[in-house]
Amino acid sequence: MLNYRLNKRLRDITKRKENSNRERERERERERERERERETDRPTDKQIDKEI
């Protein structure tokens, strides 16, 4: 019985850790996407020169 409980606890901890890692990776991907959007939203040097 103790062995079963320990294994269950270990599985639960492992799942939580995996979920946490997945969530962190998702957040990094969202941040990369935001950065890409910021890059595309910035005016290029040519556009700036035209305005001047």
N, C-alpha and C. Protein backbone atom coordinates (compact mmCIF):
# COMPACT_ATOMS: atom_id res chain seq x y z
N MET A 1 0.82 -1.20 0.00
CA MET A 1 0.00 0.00 0.00
C MET A 1 0.86 1.26 0.00
N LEU A 2 1.89 1.24 0.81
CA LEU A 2 2.79 2.39 0.86
C LEU A 2 3.44 2.61 -0.50
N ASN A 3 3.86 1.52 -1.12
CA ASN A 3 4.50 1.60 -2.43
C ASN A 3 3.55 2.24 -3.45
N TYR A 4 2.28 1.84 -3.43
CA TYR A 4 1.29 2.40 -4.34
C TYR A 4 1.15 3.90 -4.13
N ARG A 5 1.08 4.31 -2.87
CA ARG A 5 0.93 5.74 -2.56
C ARG A 5 2.16 6.53 -3.00
N LEU A 6 3.32 5.97 -2.77
CA LEU A 6 4.54 6.67 -3.19
C LEU A 6 4.59 6.81 -4.71
N ASN A 7 4.23 5.76 -5.40
CA ASN A 7 4.22 5.82 -6.87
C ASN A 7 3.20 6.83 -7.37
N LYS A 8 2.03 6.84 -6.75
CA LYS A 8 1.00 7.80 -7.14
C LYS A 8 1.50 9.22 -6.91
N ARG A 9 2.11 9.45 -5.75
CA ARG A 9 2.64 10.77 -5.43
C ARG A 9 3.70 11.18 -6.46
N LEU A 10 4.57 10.26 -6.79
CA LEU A 10 5.62 10.54 -7.76
C LEU A 10 5.01 10.87 -9.13
N ARG A 11 3.99 10.14 -9.56
CA ARG A 11 3.32 10.44 -10.83
C ARG A 11 2.69 11.82 -10.80
N ASP A 12 2.04 12.15 -9.69
CA ASP A 12 1.41 13.46 -9.57
C ASP A 12 2.44 14.58 -9.66
N ILE A 13 3.54 14.41 -8.95
CA ILE A 13 4.60 15.43 -8.98
C ILE A 13 5.16 15.56 -10.39
N THR A 14 5.38 14.45 -11.04
CA THR A 14 5.92 14.45 -12.39
C THR A 14 4.97 15.14 -13.36
N LYS A 15 3.67 14.85 -13.23
CA LYS A 15 2.68 15.50 -14.10
C LYS A 15 2.68 17.01 -13.88
N ARG A 16 2.72 17.41 -12.62
CA ARG A 16 2.72 18.85 -12.33
C ARG A 16 3.95 19.51 -12.93
N LYS A 17 5.08 18.86 -12.80
CA LYS A 17 6.31 19.41 -13.34
C LYS A 17 6.23 19.52 -14.87
N GLU A 18 5.72 18.48 -15.52
CA GLU A 18 5.57 18.51 -16.97
C GLU A 18 4.62 19.61 -17.40
N ASN A 19 3.51 19.75 -16.68
CA ASN A 19 2.56 20.81 -17.01
C ASN A 19 3.18 22.18 -16.83
N SER A 20 3.95 22.33 -15.78
CA SER A 20 4.61 23.60 -15.52
C SER A 20 5.61 23.91 -16.64
N ASN A 21 6.36 22.91 -17.06
CA ASN A 21 7.31 23.11 -18.15
C ASN A 21 6.60 23.47 -19.44
N ARG A 22 5.48 22.79 -19.71
CA ARG A 22 4.71 23.10 -20.92
C ARG A 22 4.19 24.53 -20.88
N GLU A 23 3.70 24.93 -19.71
CA GLU A 23 3.16 26.28 -19.57
C GLU A 23 4.27 27.32 -19.77
N ARG A 24 5.43 27.06 -19.22
CA ARG A 24 6.56 27.98 -19.41
C ARG A 24 6.93 28.08 -20.88
N GLU A 25 6.94 26.95 -21.56
CA GLU A 25 7.27 26.94 -22.99
C GLU A 25 6.22 27.71 -23.78
N ARG A 26 4.95 27.55 -23.44
CA ARG A 26 3.89 28.31 -24.10
C ARG A 26 4.10 29.81 -23.89
N GLU A 27 4.44 30.17 -22.68
CA GLU A 27 4.65 31.59 -22.38
C GLU A 27 5.83 32.14 -23.18
N ARG A 28 6.89 31.37 -23.29
CA ARG A 28 8.03 31.80 -24.10
C ARG A 28 7.61 31.98 -25.55
N GLU A 29 6.81 31.05 -26.06
CA GLU A 29 6.35 31.15 -27.45
C GLU A 29 5.48 32.39 -27.64
N ARG A 30 4.61 32.66 -26.67
CA ARG A 30 3.78 33.87 -26.76
C ARG A 30 4.66 35.12 -26.79
N GLU A 31 5.68 35.12 -25.96
CA GLU A 31 6.58 36.27 -25.90
C GLU A 31 7.33 36.43 -27.24
N ARG A 32 7.76 35.32 -27.81
CA ARG A 32 8.42 35.39 -29.13
C ARG A 32 7.47 35.95 -30.17
N GLU A 33 6.22 35.51 -30.12
CA GLU A 33 5.22 36.00 -31.08
C GLU A 33 4.98 37.50 -30.89
N ARG A 34 4.89 37.94 -29.65
CA ARG A 34 4.72 39.38 -29.39
C ARG A 34 5.91 40.15 -29.93
N GLU A 35 7.09 39.62 -29.73
CA GLU A 35 8.29 40.29 -30.22
C GLU A 35 8.27 40.38 -31.74
N ARG A 36 7.85 39.31 -32.41
CA ARG A 36 7.74 39.33 -33.88
C ARG A 36 6.75 40.40 -34.32
N GLU A 37 5.63 40.48 -33.62
CA GLU A 37 4.63 41.49 -33.97
C GLU A 37 5.19 42.90 -33.76
N ARG A 38 5.94 43.08 -32.69
CA ARG A 38 6.54 44.39 -32.46
C ARG A 38 7.52 44.73 -33.57
N GLU A 39 8.28 43.74 -33.99
CA GLU A 39 9.24 43.96 -35.07
C GLU A 39 8.53 44.37 -36.35
N THR A 40 7.42 43.70 -36.65
CA THR A 40 6.72 44.02 -37.90
C THR A 40 5.98 45.35 -37.80
N ASP A 41 5.62 45.77 -36.60
CA ASP A 41 4.90 47.03 -36.43
C ASP A 41 5.82 48.24 -36.51
N ARG A 42 7.10 48.03 -36.26
CA ARG A 42 8.04 49.16 -36.29
C ARG A 42 8.23 49.63 -37.72
N PRO A 43 8.28 50.92 -37.90
CA PRO A 43 8.54 51.41 -39.27
C PRO A 43 9.99 51.10 -39.68
N THR A 44 10.17 50.82 -40.93
CA THR A 44 11.52 50.54 -41.41
C THR A 44 12.27 51.85 -41.62
N ASP A 45 13.55 51.74 -41.80
CA ASP A 45 14.38 52.93 -42.03
C ASP A 45 13.92 53.69 -43.27
N LYS A 46 13.54 52.96 -44.30
CA LYS A 46 13.08 53.62 -45.53
C LYS A 46 11.81 54.43 -45.27
N GLN A 47 10.90 53.87 -44.50
CA GLN A 47 9.66 54.59 -44.20
C GLN A 47 9.97 55.85 -43.39
N ILE A 48 10.89 55.74 -42.46
CA ILE A 48 11.26 56.89 -41.63
C ILE A 48 11.88 57.97 -42.53
N ASP A 49 12.76 57.56 -43.45
CA ASP A 49 13.41 58.51 -44.35
C ASP A 49 12.37 59.22 -45.23
N LYS A 50 11.35 58.51 -45.67
CA LYS A 50 10.31 59.11 -46.49
C LYS A 50 9.55 60.18 -45.71
N GLU A 51 9.31 59.91 -44.45
CA GLU A 51 8.57 60.86 -43.62
C GLU A 51 9.38 62.13 -43.38
N ILE A 52 10.66 61.99 -43.31
CA ILE A 52 11.54 63.14 -43.06
C ILE A 52 11.70 63.88 -44.35
